[in-house]
Amino acid sequence: MGVTDVERAYAACEAITKTEARNFYYGIRLLTRQRRQALCAVYALARRIDDIGDGDLPAKEKDIRLETIRKSLVAVDSASDPVLVAVADAAHRFPIPLDAFDELLDGVWMDLEGRRYATFDELTEYCRCVAGSIGRLCLGVFGSKPDPDAARYADALGIALQQTNILRDIREDLLNGRVYLPQEDLDSFGAELRLDERGALIDTDGRLSALIRHSAARAREWYADGLRLAPLLDWRSGSSCLAMSGIYRRLLDRIEEHPEAVFDRRLSLSGKEKLGVAVRALTGRTT
């Protein structure tokens, strides 16, 4: 029997994920074959949406492409694009909430509008769109024991990961004209987001460092809530969840210990460190 269009579609999504998901693929590879294929399809479409939002296209062209994706999700079963073919098949295999992609699209539009956030509650709503949505999509692939809070845990875990991304990328986002730290937090710590002549963040009297440590401690509370999901998952899905979140938690630890590490570079873990987190996840360890 030859390779089917669906199999080719999944292969294309897995290739995208292996290349682009530098953190997530350490967890995705722990899944069973069908779940791994489905999550790669979810990732590939989410990546396409993010790449449009972060790319160099004119704003009007971005709007057109994002709206095209929104419309294609309505008729996803008739799609011919490989990523959408894989998403459609995955949604038939698993209870994937495809409307979560609409929330992701809404979050990308917030970025295109250049929205800034006065309060942490406002930032949380943004994080829920761009990352809580991914958590709920993953839950559709993972499946879980019956629990009315399972989707909320998945949402919280996604929000925790996004808060970690925000702290890691303060400098990079500022260079791109984006600010995610809530204004109320900046005011509370008397911190400003400014760059010196080298393009590094300026930390006047340690105020920005103090704000980063405060934000990291708050993100840790979201992880604690979200990780209640792991015991509801089967062994492989739970290991995948712990691996993906564990890499980001390790990154958060490093940011909290040394906030200055994000002032002039994009902080990341080595491949060896990520592999170590994934191995520990197989035993159910979160640290």
Protein backbone atom coordinates (compact mmCIF):
# COMPACT_ATOMS: atom_id res chain seq x y z
CA MET A 1 0.00 0.00 0.00
CA GLY A 2 1.37 3.42 -0.96
CA VAL A 3 1.75 6.45 1.25
CA THR A 4 -1.55 8.29 1.57
CA ASP A 5 -2.12 12.04 1.37
CA VAL A 6 -2.90 12.05 5.09
CA GLU A 7 0.36 10.26 5.91
CA ARG A 8 2.28 12.76 3.77
CA ALA A 9 0.47 15.58 5.55
CA TYR A 10 1.47 14.24 8.94
CA ALA A 11 5.06 13.77 7.78
CA ALA A 12 5.16 17.41 6.68
CA CYS A 13 3.86 18.55 10.08
CA GLU A 14 6.37 16.40 11.94
CA ALA A 15 9.20 17.85 9.86
CA ILE A 16 8.06 21.37 10.75
CA THR A 17 7.84 20.47 14.41
CA LYS A 18 11.27 18.83 14.54
CA THR A 19 12.81 21.90 12.93
CA GLU A 20 10.93 24.67 14.72
CA ALA A 21 9.76 23.34 18.10
CA ARG A 22 13.11 23.53 19.85
CA ASN A 23 11.52 23.09 23.28
CA PHE A 24 8.22 21.34 22.66
CA TYR A 25 9.56 18.47 20.55
CA TYR A 26 11.38 17.02 23.56
CA GLY A 27 7.94 16.35 25.04
CA ILE A 28 6.08 15.57 21.83
CA ARG A 29 8.45 12.71 20.97
CA LEU A 30 7.35 10.89 24.17
CA LEU A 31 3.80 10.42 22.86
CA THR A 32 2.34 7.41 21.08
CA ARG A 33 2.57 7.61 17.29
CA GLN A 34 -1.02 8.76 16.71
CA ARG A 35 -0.89 11.38 19.45
CA ARG A 36 2.53 12.56 18.29
CA GLN A 37 1.19 12.99 14.75
CA ALA A 38 -1.85 14.89 16.00
CA LEU A 39 0.16 17.22 18.22
CA CYS A 40 2.62 17.90 15.39
CA ALA A 41 -0.35 18.90 13.23
CA VAL A 42 -1.59 21.24 15.96
CA TYR A 43 1.89 22.71 16.38
CA ALA A 44 2.42 23.19 12.62
CA LEU A 45 -0.78 25.22 12.26
CA ALA A 46 -0.07 27.24 15.41
CA ARG A 47 3.42 27.91 14.10
CA ARG A 48 2.04 29.11 10.78
CA ILE A 49 -0.23 31.56 12.59
CA ASP A 50 2.63 32.84 14.77
CA ASP A 51 4.97 33.20 11.80
CA ILE A 52 2.44 35.35 9.98
CA GLY A 53 2.06 37.59 13.01
CA ASP A 54 5.83 37.90 13.58
CA GLY A 55 6.85 38.08 9.92
CA ASP A 56 7.80 41.01 7.73
CA LEU A 57 4.68 41.15 5.57
CA PRO A 58 2.69 44.41 5.38
CA ALA A 59 -0.05 44.61 8.01
CA LYS A 60 -2.81 44.33 5.40
CA GLU A 61 -1.32 41.13 3.97
CA LYS A 62 -1.05 39.68 7.47
CA ASP A 63 -4.73 40.45 8.04
CA ILE A 64 -5.65 38.68 4.80
CA ARG A 65 -3.60 35.58 5.58
CA LEU A 66 -4.85 35.29 9.15
CA GLU A 67 -8.45 35.67 8.03
CA THR A 68 -7.88 33.03 5.37
CA ILE A 69 -6.77 30.61 8.08
CA ARG A 70 -9.82 31.46 10.18
CA LYS A 71 -12.12 30.72 7.24
CA SER A 72 -10.24 27.54 6.31
CA LEU A 73 -10.86 26.13 9.78
CA VAL A 74 -14.60 26.34 9.17
CA ALA A 75 -14.24 24.07 6.12
CA VAL A 76 -11.16 22.17 7.28
CA ASP A 77 -12.49 18.80 6.04
CA SER A 78 -12.29 19.99 2.45
CA ALA A 79 -8.79 21.47 2.74
CA SER A 80 -5.95 20.41 0.44
CA ASP A 81 -3.13 22.18 2.28
CA PRO A 82 -1.04 19.46 4.03
CA VAL A 83 -1.08 21.12 7.45
CA LEU A 84 -4.84 21.56 7.35
CA VAL A 85 -5.31 18.02 6.03
CA ALA A 86 -3.41 16.73 9.05
CA VAL A 87 -5.35 18.97 11.45
CA ALA A 88 -8.65 17.76 9.99
CA ASP A 89 -7.65 14.12 10.38
CA ALA A 90 -6.37 14.69 13.92
CA ALA A 91 -9.66 16.36 14.86
CA HIS A 92 -11.50 13.23 13.72
CA ARG A 93 -9.23 11.00 15.82
CA PHE A 94 -9.23 13.14 18.97
CA PRO A 95 -11.58 15.70 20.59
CA ILE A 96 -9.43 18.65 19.60
CA PRO A 97 -11.23 21.99 20.24
CA LEU A 98 -10.55 23.63 16.89
CA ASP A 99 -12.21 26.84 18.07
CA ALA A 100 -9.11 27.36 20.25
CA PHE A 101 -7.31 28.30 17.02
CA ASP A 102 -9.74 31.23 16.78
CA GLU A 103 -8.50 32.40 20.17
CA LEU A 104 -4.90 32.08 19.00
CA LEU A 105 -5.76 34.20 15.97
CA ASP A 106 -7.35 36.79 18.27
CA GLY A 107 -4.13 36.92 20.30
CA VAL A 108 -2.01 37.43 17.19
CA TRP A 109 -4.27 40.30 16.19
CA MET A 110 -3.63 41.86 19.60
CA ASP A 111 0.07 41.84 18.69
CA LEU A 112 -0.61 43.37 15.29
CA GLU A 113 -2.55 46.17 16.98
CA GLY A 114 0.48 46.86 19.16
CA ARG A 115 -1.63 46.41 22.26
CA ARG A 116 -0.08 47.13 25.64
CA TYR A 117 -1.38 45.97 28.98
CA ALA A 118 -2.29 48.21 31.87
CA THR A 119 -2.89 45.39 34.34
CA PHE A 120 -1.88 41.79 34.86
CA ASP A 121 -5.51 40.75 34.31
CA GLU A 122 -5.34 42.26 30.83
CA LEU A 123 -2.07 40.44 30.15
CA THR A 124 -3.61 37.20 31.38
CA GLU A 125 -6.36 37.52 28.78
CA TYR A 126 -3.71 37.89 26.06
CA CYS A 127 -1.78 34.89 27.42
CA ARG A 128 -5.00 32.87 27.48
CA CYS A 129 -5.50 33.59 23.77
CA VAL A 130 -1.98 32.85 22.54
CA ALA A 131 -0.97 30.08 24.97
CA GLY A 132 -3.91 28.88 27.03
CA SER A 133 -5.47 27.99 23.70
CA ILE A 134 -2.46 25.77 22.94
CA GLY A 135 -2.82 24.10 26.31
CA ARG A 136 -6.43 23.23 25.54
CA LEU A 137 -5.53 21.98 22.07
CA CYS A 138 -2.88 19.73 23.63
CA LEU A 139 -5.42 18.44 26.14
CA GLY A 140 -7.66 17.42 23.24
CA VAL A 141 -4.81 15.25 21.97
CA PHE A 142 -3.72 13.95 25.37
CA GLY A 143 -7.16 13.07 26.68
CA SER A 144 -7.64 12.92 30.45
CA LYS A 145 -9.50 11.30 33.28
CA PRO A 146 -12.91 12.91 33.83
CA ASP A 147 -12.38 16.14 35.75
CA PRO A 148 -14.33 19.40 35.39
CA ASP A 149 -11.14 21.40 35.89
CA ALA A 150 -8.95 19.63 33.32
CA ALA A 151 -9.38 22.35 30.67
CA ARG A 152 -8.69 25.05 33.27
CA TYR A 153 -5.46 23.33 34.29
CA ALA A 154 -4.37 23.10 30.64
CA ASP A 155 -5.21 26.76 30.20
CA ALA A 156 -3.22 27.72 33.31
CA LEU A 157 -0.21 25.75 32.16
CA GLY A 158 -0.23 27.51 28.80
CA ILE A 159 -0.47 30.88 30.55
CA ALA A 160 2.49 29.95 32.77
CA LEU A 161 4.60 29.08 29.73
CA GLN A 162 3.69 32.35 28.05
CA GLN A 163 4.67 34.34 31.13
CA THR A 164 8.06 32.61 30.96
CA ASN A 165 8.38 33.56 27.29
CA ILE A 166 7.58 37.18 28.11
CA LEU A 167 10.30 37.36 30.77
CA ARG A 168 12.83 35.66 28.49
CA ASP A 169 12.05 37.97 25.57
CA ILE A 170 11.74 41.40 27.26
CA ARG A 171 14.69 42.80 25.30
CA GLU A 172 13.81 41.19 21.97
CA ASP A 173 10.19 42.33 22.24
CA LEU A 174 11.26 45.89 23.08
CA LEU A 175 13.52 45.95 20.01
CA ASN A 176 10.44 44.97 17.98
CA GLY A 177 8.29 47.69 19.56
CA ARG A 178 6.36 45.34 21.85
CA VAL A 179 5.92 45.61 25.62
CA TYR A 180 4.11 42.90 27.54
CA LEU A 181 5.02 43.70 31.14
CA PRO A 182 1.90 45.30 32.68
CA GLN A 183 2.17 49.03 33.28
CA GLU A 184 0.91 48.59 36.85
CA ASP A 185 3.91 46.34 37.56
CA LEU A 186 6.38 48.74 35.97
CA ASP A 187 4.91 51.57 38.05
CA SER A 188 4.90 49.51 41.24
CA PHE A 189 8.62 48.77 40.94
CA GLY A 190 9.56 52.14 39.46
CA ALA A 191 11.03 50.31 36.48
CA GLU A 192 11.39 51.53 32.90
CA LEU A 193 12.13 49.56 29.77
CA ARG A 194 15.07 51.27 28.10
CA LEU A 195 18.10 50.10 26.11
CA ASP A 196 21.66 51.35 26.34
CA GLU A 197 23.90 52.09 23.35
CA ARG A 198 24.75 48.37 23.09
CA GLY A 199 21.09 47.41 22.87
CA ALA A 200 21.03 45.91 26.38
CA LEU A 201 18.30 46.56 28.92
CA ILE A 202 19.06 49.23 31.52
CA ASP A 203 18.46 48.18 35.14
CA THR A 204 18.33 51.35 37.20
CA ASP A 205 18.97 50.57 40.89
CA GLY A 206 17.99 46.93 40.31
CA ARG A 207 14.34 47.84 39.80
CA LEU A 208 13.88 45.82 36.63
CA SER A 209 15.56 42.80 38.24
CA ALA A 210 13.18 43.06 41.17
CA LEU A 211 10.20 43.21 38.81
CA ILE A 212 11.44 40.16 36.90
CA ARG A 213 11.83 38.17 40.12
CA HIS A 214 8.33 39.18 41.21
CA SER A 215 6.91 38.17 37.82
CA ALA A 216 8.77 34.84 37.91
CA ALA A 217 7.33 34.03 41.35
CA ARG A 218 3.85 34.79 40.03
CA ALA A 219 4.39 32.57 36.99
CA ARG A 220 5.44 29.78 39.33
CA GLU A 221 1.98 29.92 40.93
CA TRP A 222 0.41 29.39 37.50
CA TYR A 223 2.66 26.38 36.94
CA ALA A 224 1.61 24.92 40.29
CA ASP A 225 -2.03 25.22 39.29
CA GLY A 226 -1.54 23.96 35.73
CA LEU A 227 0.53 20.94 36.70
CA ARG A 228 -2.50 19.51 38.47
CA LEU A 229 -3.30 18.33 34.96
CA ALA A 230 -0.45 15.79 34.84
CA PRO A 231 -2.02 13.17 37.19
CA LEU A 232 -5.15 13.20 35.01
CA LEU A 233 -3.20 12.05 31.94
CA ASP A 234 -2.00 8.61 30.89
CA TRP A 235 1.69 7.84 31.44
CA ARG A 236 2.96 8.92 28.03
CA SER A 237 0.81 12.04 27.80
CA GLY A 238 1.70 12.96 31.37
CA SER A 239 5.40 12.53 30.61
CA SER A 240 5.02 14.72 27.52
CA CYS A 241 3.26 17.41 29.53
CA LEU A 242 5.91 17.33 32.26
CA ALA A 243 8.74 17.47 29.72
CA MET A 244 7.35 20.47 27.84
CA SER A 245 6.49 22.41 30.98
CA GLY A 246 9.68 21.27 32.75
CA ILE A 247 11.92 22.89 30.15
CA TYR A 248 10.15 26.20 30.60
CA ARG A 249 10.17 25.91 34.38
CA ARG A 250 13.92 25.30 34.31
CA LEU A 251 14.27 28.40 32.14
CA LEU A 252 12.14 30.35 34.62
CA ASP A 253 14.39 29.20 37.47
CA ARG A 254 17.40 30.59 35.64
CA ILE A 255 15.67 33.90 34.92
CA GLU A 256 14.59 34.27 38.54
CA GLU A 257 18.09 33.50 39.83
CA HIS A 258 19.85 35.77 37.34
CA PRO A 259 17.48 38.37 35.81
CA GLU A 260 20.45 40.11 34.22
CA ALA A 261 20.87 37.09 31.94
CA VAL A 262 18.00 38.34 29.76
CA PHE A 263 19.28 41.92 29.51
CA ASP A 264 21.51 41.41 26.46
CA ARG A 265 20.63 38.00 24.99
CA ARG A 266 17.91 35.44 24.44
CA LEU A 267 18.35 32.91 27.22
CA SER A 268 17.96 29.22 26.40
CA LEU A 269 18.79 25.79 27.77
CA SER A 270 21.31 23.49 26.13
CA GLY A 271 20.17 20.36 24.32
CA LYS A 272 21.69 18.28 27.12
CA GLU A 273 19.66 20.15 29.73
CA LYS A 274 16.45 19.73 27.76
CA LEU A 275 17.11 16.03 27.32
CA GLY A 276 17.68 15.71 31.04
CA VAL A 277 14.30 17.31 31.75
CA ALA A 278 12.62 14.92 29.30
CA VAL A 279 14.26 11.88 30.91
CA ARG A 280 13.14 12.97 34.39
CA ALA A 281 9.62 13.52 33.03
CA LEU A 282 9.45 9.81 32.14
CA THR A 283 9.66 9.05 35.86
CA GLY A 284 6.97 11.59 36.70
CA ARG A 285 9.44 14.08 38.19
CA THR A 286 8.70 17.77 37.72
CA THR A 287 12.16 18.98 38.74
